Amino acid sequence: MHVEAAILARTIPARPAGRPRDRRLDAAVLAATRALLVEVGYRDLSIGAIARRSGVDRPAIYRRWRTKAELVHAAIYPAGDLTLRVRDSGDFARDLRRFARNAVQLFSRPEVMAAIPGLMIDIRHDPSLRDRLSPRLEASARADFALLVERAIGRGEAQPHIHPETLFDALAGTVFLRIVTAGPSALDGLADELTALLLHGTRAARRPGARGGRR
């Protein structure tokens, strides 16, 4: 935690139990964070600048988010964002393609691209930060994806040895790496190419007389 955050944490009184959180202030802070990320980048982003842009004072911000990294994560991956949550349609190829396209959409957002390098550095320096942040985005998305893969295996569309975690990482990680190393201009066609490659490696052999999902 930064020195400023530590001082504020000691001086800010605890919010009384049962006091409702003002969602309008949350929205103002998150919107200001996204805008400033695009304007100045993660490294030069400060809680003070966010406070000035949003009109919400720093103590109120620190009551909601303990660190800049946690605030930025909440801003670029808003609560309730369903982008990476792909429901099973009964067609494994279609669902993989939709997931890959959604991952491209998510990670190519300007505020996400501006935040990712700095967030990764902060996570490397503070491993506990990963434990606090990953459940916000990954837990529900991974659970949905695992169910999608399990059902595809049950229908005979995917090989039974496929691990959902590995496949999830292959899809999201490839998109993530391409954006970080080559930028959004290198994303054209990536989702479809990646889907075709992974389907080739995961698709179960067609059983005689079996009907596969639609492409």
C-alpha atoms as a PDB file:
ATOM      1  CA  MET A   1       0.000   0.000   0.000  1.00  0.00           C
ATOM      2  CA  HIS A   2       1.279   3.476  -0.808  1.00  0.00           C
ATOM      3  CA  VAL A   3       2.248   5.762   2.086  1.00  0.00           C
ATOM      4  CA  GLU A   4      -0.648   8.113   1.329  1.00  0.00           C
ATOM      5  CA  ALA A   5      -3.105   5.217   1.404  1.00  0.00           C
ATOM      6  CA  ALA A   6      -1.655   3.931   4.686  1.00  0.00           C
ATOM      7  CA  ILE A   7      -2.015   7.363   6.332  1.00  0.00           C
ATOM      8  CA  LEU A   8      -5.570   7.760   5.114  1.00  0.00           C
ATOM      9  CA  ALA A   9      -6.461   4.256   6.275  1.00  0.00           C
ATOM     10  CA  ARG A  10      -5.415   5.215   9.805  1.00  0.00           C
ATOM     11  CA  THR A  11      -7.219   8.555   9.835  1.00  0.00           C
ATOM     12  CA  ILE A  12     -10.474   7.744   8.036  1.00  0.00           C
ATOM     13  CA  PRO A  13     -13.175   6.622  10.458  1.00  0.00           C
ATOM     14  CA  ALA A  14     -14.869   3.339   9.679  1.00  0.00           C
ATOM     15  CA  ARG A  15     -18.195   3.637   7.869  1.00  0.00           C
ATOM     16  CA  PRO A  16     -21.048   2.956  10.300  1.00  0.00           C
ATOM     17  CA  ALA A  17     -22.540  -0.506   9.939  1.00  0.00           C
ATOM     18  CA  GLY A  18     -25.552  -0.538   7.669  1.00  0.00           C
ATOM     19  CA  ARG A  19     -24.817   2.774   5.976  1.00  0.00           C
ATOM     20  CA  PRO A  20     -25.604   2.324   2.282  1.00  0.00           C
ATOM     21  CA  ARG A  21     -22.873   2.929  -0.260  1.00  0.00           C
ATOM     22  CA  ASP A  22     -23.561   5.788  -2.675  1.00  0.00           C
ATOM     23  CA  ARG A  23     -23.469   4.165  -6.117  1.00  0.00           C
ATOM     24  CA  ARG A  24     -23.417   7.576  -7.807  1.00  0.00           C
ATOM     25  CA  LEU A  25     -20.035   8.298  -6.243  1.00  0.00           C
ATOM     26  CA  ASP A  26     -18.784   4.873  -7.298  1.00  0.00           C
ATOM     27  CA  ALA A  27     -19.877   5.503 -10.876  1.00  0.00           C
ATOM     28  CA  ALA A  28     -18.238   8.936 -10.959  1.00  0.00           C
ATOM     29  CA  VAL A  29     -14.924   7.574  -9.667  1.00  0.00           C
ATOM     30  CA  LEU A  30     -14.893   4.614 -12.053  1.00  0.00           C
ATOM     31  CA  ALA A  31     -15.747   6.792 -15.051  1.00  0.00           C
ATOM     32  CA  ALA A  32     -13.006   9.272 -14.136  1.00  0.00           C
ATOM     33  CA  THR A  33     -10.520   6.428 -13.752  1.00  0.00           C
ATOM     34  CA  ARG A  34     -11.309   5.036 -17.206  1.00  0.00           C
ATOM     35  CA  ALA A  35     -11.026   8.454 -18.833  1.00  0.00           C
ATOM     36  CA  LEU A  36      -7.723   9.264 -17.138  1.00  0.00           C
ATOM     37  CA  LEU A  37      -6.246   5.875 -17.978  1.00  0.00           C
ATOM     38  CA  VAL A  38      -6.722   6.629 -21.653  1.00  0.00           C
ATOM     39  CA  GLU A  39      -5.377  10.169 -21.245  1.00  0.00           C
ATOM     40  CA  VAL A  40      -2.318   9.650 -19.040  1.00  0.00           C
ATOM     41  CA  GLY A  41      -1.777   5.894 -18.691  1.00  0.00           C
ATOM     42  CA  TYR A  42      -1.509   3.721 -15.607  1.00  0.00           C
ATOM     43  CA  ARG A  43       1.881   4.916 -14.383  1.00  0.00           C
ATOM     44  CA  ASP A  44       0.904   8.587 -14.266  1.00  0.00           C
ATOM     45  CA  LEU A  45      -2.584   7.959 -12.939  1.00  0.00           C
ATOM     46  CA  SER A  46      -3.044   9.163  -9.362  1.00  0.00           C
ATOM     47  CA  ILE A  47      -5.827   9.034  -6.814  1.00  0.00           C
ATOM     48  CA  GLY A  48      -5.569  12.809  -6.533  1.00  0.00           C
ATOM     49  CA  ALA A  49      -6.247  13.248 -10.239  1.00  0.00           C
ATOM     50  CA  ILE A  50      -9.164  10.844 -10.043  1.00  0.00           C
ATOM     51  CA  ALA A  51     -10.567  12.762  -7.082  1.00  0.00           C
ATOM     52  CA  ARG A  52     -10.355  16.052  -8.959  1.00  0.00           C
ATOM     53  CA  ARG A  53     -11.922  14.640 -12.123  1.00  0.00           C
ATOM     54  CA  SER A  54     -14.731  12.816 -10.329  1.00  0.00           C
ATOM     55  CA  GLY A  55     -15.468  15.398  -7.658  1.00  0.00           C
ATOM     56  CA  VAL A  56     -15.119  12.706  -4.980  1.00  0.00           C
ATOM     57  CA  ASP A  57     -12.551  13.350  -2.249  1.00  0.00           C
ATOM     58  CA  ARG A  58      -9.630  11.008  -1.694  1.00  0.00           C
ATOM     59  CA  PRO A  59     -10.771   9.667   1.711  1.00  0.00           C
ATOM     60  CA  ALA A  60     -14.057   8.560   0.123  1.00  0.00           C
ATOM     61  CA  ILE A  61     -12.154   6.850  -2.696  1.00  0.00           C
ATOM     62  CA  TYR A  62      -9.855   5.020  -0.284  1.00  0.00           C
ATOM     63  CA  ARG A  63     -12.851   3.833   1.713  1.00  0.00           C
ATOM     64  CA  ARG A  64     -14.004   2.049  -1.424  1.00  0.00           C
ATOM     65  CA  TRP A  65     -10.694   0.844  -2.909  1.00  0.00           C
ATOM     66  CA  ARG A  66      -7.551   0.314  -0.850  1.00  0.00           C
ATOM     67  CA  THR A  67      -5.071   0.760  -3.698  1.00  0.00           C
ATOM     68  CA  LYS A  68      -4.845   2.279  -7.150  1.00  0.00           C
ATOM     69  CA  ALA A  69      -4.580  -1.199  -8.640  1.00  0.00           C
ATOM     70  CA  GLU A  70      -7.856  -2.308  -7.070  1.00  0.00           C
ATOM     71  CA  LEU A  71      -9.600   0.848  -8.270  1.00  0.00           C
ATOM     72  CA  VAL A  72      -8.260   0.454 -11.796  1.00  0.00           C
ATOM     73  CA  HIS A  73      -9.275  -3.207 -11.904  1.00  0.00           C
ATOM     74  CA  ALA A  74     -12.807  -2.272 -10.848  1.00  0.00           C
ATOM     75  CA  ALA A  75     -12.895   0.452 -13.505  1.00  0.00           C
ATOM     76  CA  ILE A  76     -11.743  -1.617 -16.466  1.00  0.00           C
ATOM     77  CA  TYR A  77     -13.664  -4.756 -15.473  1.00  0.00           C
ATOM     78  CA  PRO A  78     -16.941  -3.337 -14.110  1.00  0.00           C
ATOM     79  CA  ALA A  79     -19.093  -5.397 -11.795  1.00  0.00           C
ATOM     80  CA  GLY A  80     -21.667  -7.282 -13.791  1.00  0.00           C
ATOM     81  CA  ASP A  81     -19.596  -7.297 -16.984  1.00  0.00           C
ATOM     82  CA  LEU A  82     -20.634 -10.480 -18.795  1.00  0.00           C
ATOM     83  CA  THR A  83     -18.229 -10.184 -21.733  1.00  0.00           C
ATOM     84  CA  LEU A  84     -16.268 -13.342 -20.892  1.00  0.00           C
ATOM     85  CA  ARG A  85     -19.283 -15.301 -19.653  1.00  0.00           C
ATOM     86  CA  VAL A  86     -20.333 -17.445 -22.595  1.00  0.00           C
ATOM     87  CA  ARG A  87     -23.321 -19.707 -22.029  1.00  0.00           C
ATOM     88  CA  ASP A  88     -23.536 -23.145 -23.581  1.00  0.00           C
ATOM     89  CA  SER A  89     -25.515 -22.983 -26.832  1.00  0.00           C
ATOM     90  CA  GLY A  90     -25.220 -26.669 -27.597  1.00  0.00           C
ATOM     91  CA  ASP A  91     -22.614 -25.960 -30.299  1.00  0.00           C
ATOM     92  CA  PHE A  92     -19.021 -26.138 -29.058  1.00  0.00           C
ATOM     93  CA  ALA A  93     -17.475 -24.490 -32.133  1.00  0.00           C
ATOM     94  CA  ARG A  94     -19.886 -21.569 -31.967  1.00  0.00           C
ATOM     95  CA  ASP A  95     -19.292 -21.084 -28.248  1.00  0.00           C
ATOM     96  CA  LEU A  96     -15.500 -21.137 -28.564  1.00  0.00           C
ATOM     97  CA  ARG A  97     -15.666 -18.617 -31.377  1.00  0.00           C
ATOM     98  CA  ARG A  98     -17.947 -16.357 -29.366  1.00  0.00           C
ATOM     99  CA  PHE A  99     -15.632 -16.557 -26.356  1.00  0.00           C
ATOM    100  CA  ALA A 100     -12.591 -15.678 -28.486  1.00  0.00           C
ATOM    101  CA  ARG A 101     -14.391 -12.728 -30.074  1.00  0.00           C
ATOM    102  CA  ASN A 102     -15.570 -11.520 -26.676  1.00  0.00           C
ATOM    103  CA  ALA A 103     -12.020 -11.736 -25.317  1.00  0.00           C
ATOM    104  CA  VAL A 104     -10.820  -9.590 -28.224  1.00  0.00           C
ATOM    105  CA  GLN A 105     -13.581  -7.102 -27.483  1.00  0.00           C
ATOM    106  CA  LEU A 106     -12.737  -6.946 -23.777  1.00  0.00           C
ATOM    107  CA  PHE A 107      -8.952  -6.688 -23.944  1.00  0.00           C
ATOM    108  CA  SER A 108      -8.953  -4.183 -26.820  1.00  0.00           C
ATOM    109  CA  ARG A 109     -10.920  -1.571 -24.889  1.00  0.00           C
ATOM    110  CA  PRO A 110      -8.700   1.553 -24.692  1.00  0.00           C
ATOM    111  CA  GLU A 111      -8.825   1.728 -20.898  1.00  0.00           C
ATOM    112  CA  VAL A 112      -7.960  -1.975 -20.592  1.00  0.00           C
ATOM    113  CA  MET A 113      -4.966  -1.654 -22.916  1.00  0.00           C
ATOM    114  CA  ALA A 114      -3.775   1.382 -20.961  1.00  0.00           C
ATOM    115  CA  ALA A 115      -4.081  -0.389 -17.619  1.00  0.00           C
ATOM    116  CA  ILE A 116      -2.811  -3.906 -18.258  1.00  0.00           C
ATOM    117  CA  PRO A 117       0.999  -3.328 -18.292  1.00  0.00           C
ATOM    118  CA  GLY A 118       0.965  -1.375 -15.034  1.00  0.00           C
ATOM    119  CA  LEU A 119      -1.427  -3.771 -13.348  1.00  0.00           C
ATOM    120  CA  MET A 120       0.794  -6.697 -14.259  1.00  0.00           C
ATOM    121  CA  ILE A 121       3.803  -4.973 -12.673  1.00  0.00           C
ATOM    122  CA  ASP A 122       1.871  -4.250  -9.472  1.00  0.00           C
ATOM    123  CA  ILE A 123       0.656  -7.845  -9.289  1.00  0.00           C
ATOM    124  CA  ARG A 124       4.201  -9.127  -9.734  1.00  0.00           C
ATOM    125  CA  HIS A 125       5.404  -6.962  -6.852  1.00  0.00           C
ATOM    126  CA  ASP A 126       2.425  -7.864  -4.643  1.00  0.00           C
ATOM    127  CA  PRO A 127       1.287 -11.465  -5.209  1.00  0.00           C
ATOM    128  CA  SER A 128      -1.568 -11.047  -2.725  1.00  0.00           C
ATOM    129  CA  LEU A 129      -3.050  -8.505  -5.122  1.00  0.00           C
ATOM    130  CA  ARG A 130      -3.794 -11.284  -7.600  1.00  0.00           C
ATOM    131  CA  ASP A 131      -5.791 -13.130  -4.951  1.00  0.00           C
ATOM    132  CA  ARG A 132      -7.859 -10.011  -4.298  1.00  0.00           C
ATOM    133  CA  LEU A 133      -8.444  -9.139  -7.940  1.00  0.00           C
ATOM    134  CA  SER A 134      -8.838 -12.378  -9.872  1.00  0.00           C
ATOM    135  CA  PRO A 135     -12.185 -13.446  -8.363  1.00  0.00           C
ATOM    136  CA  ARG A 136     -13.827 -10.269  -9.705  1.00  0.00           C
ATOM    137  CA  LEU A 137     -13.382 -11.239 -13.345  1.00  0.00           C
ATOM    138  CA  GLU A 138     -12.193 -14.802 -13.582  1.00  0.00           C
ATOM    139  CA  ALA A 139     -14.122 -16.932 -11.108  1.00  0.00           C
ATOM    140  CA  SER A 140     -17.544 -16.719 -12.730  1.00  0.00           C
ATOM    141  CA  ALA A 141     -16.141 -16.669 -16.281  1.00  0.00           C
ATOM    142  CA  ARG A 142     -14.037 -19.768 -15.642  1.00  0.00           C
ATOM    143  CA  ALA A 143     -16.940 -21.590 -14.028  1.00  0.00           C
ATOM    144  CA  ASP A 144     -19.189 -20.894 -17.020  1.00  0.00           C
ATOM    145  CA  PHE A 145     -16.443 -21.924 -19.421  1.00  0.00           C
ATOM    146  CA  ALA A 146     -15.767 -25.165 -17.550  1.00  0.00           C
ATOM    147  CA  LEU A 147     -19.451 -26.055 -17.767  1.00  0.00           C
ATOM    148  CA  LEU A 148     -19.415 -25.288 -21.486  1.00  0.00           C
ATOM    149  CA  VAL A 149     -16.463 -27.651 -22.032  1.00  0.00           C
ATOM    150  CA  GLU A 150     -17.911 -30.380 -19.827  1.00  0.00           C
ATOM    151  CA  ARG A 151     -21.164 -30.340 -21.767  1.00  0.00           C
ATOM    152  CA  ALA A 152     -19.281 -30.422 -25.069  1.00  0.00           C
ATOM    153  CA  ILE A 153     -17.419 -33.501 -23.828  1.00  0.00           C
ATOM    154  CA  GLY A 154     -20.709 -35.060 -22.803  1.00  0.00           C
ATOM    155  CA  ARG A 155     -22.122 -34.487 -26.298  1.00  0.00           C
ATOM    156  CA  GLY A 156     -19.024 -36.036 -27.851  1.00  0.00           C
ATOM    157  CA  GLU A 157     -17.897 -32.738 -29.423  1.00  0.00           C
ATOM    158  CA  ALA A 158     -14.680 -32.452 -27.387  1.00  0.00           C
ATOM    159  CA  GLN A 159     -12.096 -34.942 -26.275  1.00  0.00           C
ATOM    160  CA  PRO A 160     -12.595 -36.176 -22.691  1.00  0.00           C
ATOM    161  CA  HIS A 161      -9.046 -35.299 -21.591  1.00  0.00           C
ATOM    162  CA  ILE A 162      -9.470 -31.568 -22.319  1.00  0.00           C
ATOM    163  CA  HIS A 163      -8.900 -29.389 -19.247  1.00  0.00           C
ATOM    164  CA  PRO A 164     -11.203 -26.313 -19.212  1.00  0.00           C
ATOM    165  CA  GLU A 165      -8.627 -24.236 -17.297  1.00  0.00           C
ATOM    166  CA  THR A 166      -5.975 -24.835 -19.944  1.00  0.00           C
ATOM    167  CA  LEU A 167      -8.352 -24.078 -22.791  1.00  0.00           C
ATOM    168  CA  PHE A 168      -9.572 -20.895 -21.070  1.00  0.00           C
ATOM    169  CA  ASP A 169      -5.978 -19.721 -20.628  1.00  0.00           C
ATOM    170  CA  ALA A 170      -5.121 -20.580 -24.225  1.00  0.00           C
ATOM    171  CA  LEU A 171      -7.994 -18.474 -25.536  1.00  0.00           C
ATOM    172  CA  ALA A 172      -7.804 -15.475 -23.219  1.00  0.00           C
ATOM    173  CA  GLY A 173      -4.007 -15.580 -22.905  1.00  0.00           C
ATOM    174  CA  THR A 174      -3.398 -15.563 -26.642  1.00  0.00           C
ATOM    175  CA  VAL A 175      -5.640 -12.534 -27.136  1.00  0.00           C
ATOM    176  CA  PHE A 176      -4.046 -10.809 -24.163  1.00  0.00           C
ATOM    177  CA  LEU A 177      -0.505 -11.434 -25.432  1.00  0.00           C
ATOM    178  CA  ARG A 178      -1.301 -10.291 -28.974  1.00  0.00           C
ATOM    179  CA  ILE A 179      -2.743  -7.013 -27.734  1.00  0.00           C
ATOM    180  CA  VAL A 180       0.157  -6.328 -25.355  1.00  0.00           C
ATOM    181  CA  THR A 181       2.868  -7.132 -27.906  1.00  0.00           C
ATOM    182  CA  ALA A 182       1.307  -6.009 -31.188  1.00  0.00           C
ATOM    183  CA  GLY A 183      -1.600  -3.723 -30.330  1.00  0.00           C
ATOM    184  CA  PRO A 184      -5.206  -3.677 -31.528  1.00  0.00           C
ATOM    185  CA  SER A 185      -4.249  -3.372 -35.198  1.00  0.00           C
ATOM    186  CA  ALA A 186      -3.047  -7.004 -35.086  1.00  0.00           C
ATOM    187  CA  LEU A 187      -6.395  -8.407 -33.943  1.00  0.00           C
ATOM    188  CA  ASP A 188      -8.150  -8.729 -37.292  1.00  0.00           C
ATOM    189  CA  GLY A 189      -9.111 -12.348 -37.805  1.00  0.00           C
ATOM    190  CA  LEU A 190      -7.414 -13.514 -34.596  1.00  0.00           C
ATOM    191  CA  ALA A 191     -10.576 -14.827 -32.961  1.00  0.00           C
ATOM    192  CA  ASP A 192     -11.515 -17.014 -35.917  1.00  0.00           C
ATOM    193  CA  GLU A 193      -7.951 -18.267 -36.462  1.00  0.00           C
ATOM    194  CA  LEU A 194      -7.545 -19.078 -32.791  1.00  0.00           C
ATOM    195  CA  THR A 195     -10.893 -20.864 -32.678  1.00  0.00           C
ATOM    196  CA  ALA A 196     -10.014 -23.014 -35.692  1.00  0.00           C
ATOM    197  CA  LEU A 197      -6.665 -23.952 -34.150  1.00  0.00           C
ATOM    198  CA  LEU A 198      -8.105 -24.902 -30.782  1.00  0.00           C
ATOM    199  CA  LEU A 199     -10.998 -26.808 -32.293  1.00  0.00           C
ATOM    200  CA  HIS A 200      -8.506 -28.869 -34.270  1.00  0.00           C
ATOM    201  CA  GLY A 201      -6.785 -29.855 -31.043  1.00  0.00           C
ATOM    202  CA  THR A 202      -9.861 -30.390 -28.883  1.00  0.00           C
ATOM    203  CA  ARG A 203     -12.545 -31.808 -31.140  1.00  0.00           C
ATOM    204  CA  ALA A 204     -13.403 -35.460 -30.550  1.00  0.00           C
ATOM    205  CA  ALA A 205     -13.261 -37.907 -33.425  1.00  0.00           C
ATOM    206  CA  ARG A 206     -16.645 -38.217 -35.094  1.00  0.00           C
ATOM    207  CA  ARG A 207     -18.439 -41.398 -34.092  1.00  0.00           C
ATOM    208  CA  PRO A 208     -20.203 -43.306 -36.857  1.00  0.00           C
ATOM    209  CA  GLY A 209     -23.697 -41.948 -37.176  1.00  0.00           C
ATOM    210  CA  ALA A 210     -23.081 -39.147 -34.625  1.00  0.00           C
ATOM    211  CA  ARG A 211     -24.349 -35.664 -35.312  1.00  0.00           C
ATOM    212  CA  GLY A 212     -21.967 -32.857 -34.383  1.00  0.00           C
ATOM    213  CA  GLY A 213     -22.811 -29.280 -33.526  1.00  0.00           C
ATOM    214  CA  ARG A 214     -23.350 -26.717 -36.231  1.00  0.00           C
ATOM    215  CA  ARG A 215     -20.419 -24.573 -37.321  1.00  0.00           C
END
